Amino acid sequence: MKTETNGSNSNGAASELAIDARSIVKVFGLGDARTVALKGANFSARQGELHLVVGPSGCGKTTLLSVVAGTLNWDEGKVQVFGTSLDGMKRSEITDFRRRNVGFIFQQFNLIPTLNLIENISVPLLLNGIRRRTAEDKAGELLKRVGLAGKETKRPTQLSGGQQQRVAIARALVHEPRLVICDEPTSALDSETGHQIMDLLTTAARAPGRCVVIVTHDPRVYSYADRITQMEDGRVMAVLDGEPLQQFVHSTH
């Protein structure tokens, strides 16, 4: 095992950091209800990398990624995303940065049931001020890329779980974010659909200047990782790369 913050990843991409989070502390609640969710956690992810974050439930994985994405305030530490420091930024500035640079994929899809697929995928572009016609044209292109051409006017409830997740991926990628953050994107899917989803995310991670980070409990997807960060009790315990990563993947199958 080894912890790294630089070097080349397994696909030979440049080693510039997409994420550099240092000594992150996050506390929830006060008094007897006080819980320290992150205890000085350090986390980095590289451009061109598909990076998994694993560990037991409640160990701080989602909290850490929420801090990195700027959706959750933290109490101590420093966070840089693609060279931009989130420290001291106003909430409105972080929101603007996130809208332009971060895409989210959730286990529960979070699609809007009253909108058709094209309208759902268009939402990030419309929030960034893109004209509706342009946004919908690009949404149509993404729908084809995820294998759902011809379903443009369907509602999310008319799709299978795997199809809904593909729409969620298209929505996350449509504004070409540099960072894609995924929370358990495959755990509710069958094996074949899960591998299709991971193939799409791997392609996204390989795009120049991009990074995909996935929080997961699903050992079926470990083999896709360039690196795996292991967390426990609010701390990063190890970062697996190279041979230790391969040994870990083999041990979970």
Foldseek 3Di string as FASTA:
>chain_A
DADDAFDAFPVRDHTAWQKWWFQFWAWDDDDPPIDTQAGGATDIDGALFEEEEEEDPSLNPVVVVCVQLLVDDTDDTWMDGNNRTPPPDDSVVSVVVNLQAEFEAEQVLPFDQVAFLLVRLLVSVVVVVDDPVVSSVLSQVQCVVLPNHPRRRPGLVVDDSLSSSSSSVSSRPSSPHQEYEYEASPPVDDLVSSVSSLVVVSVSSNPGNHYYYYYHPDLSCLVSGSKYFYGGNNYTDHIDHDPSSVVVSVVVD
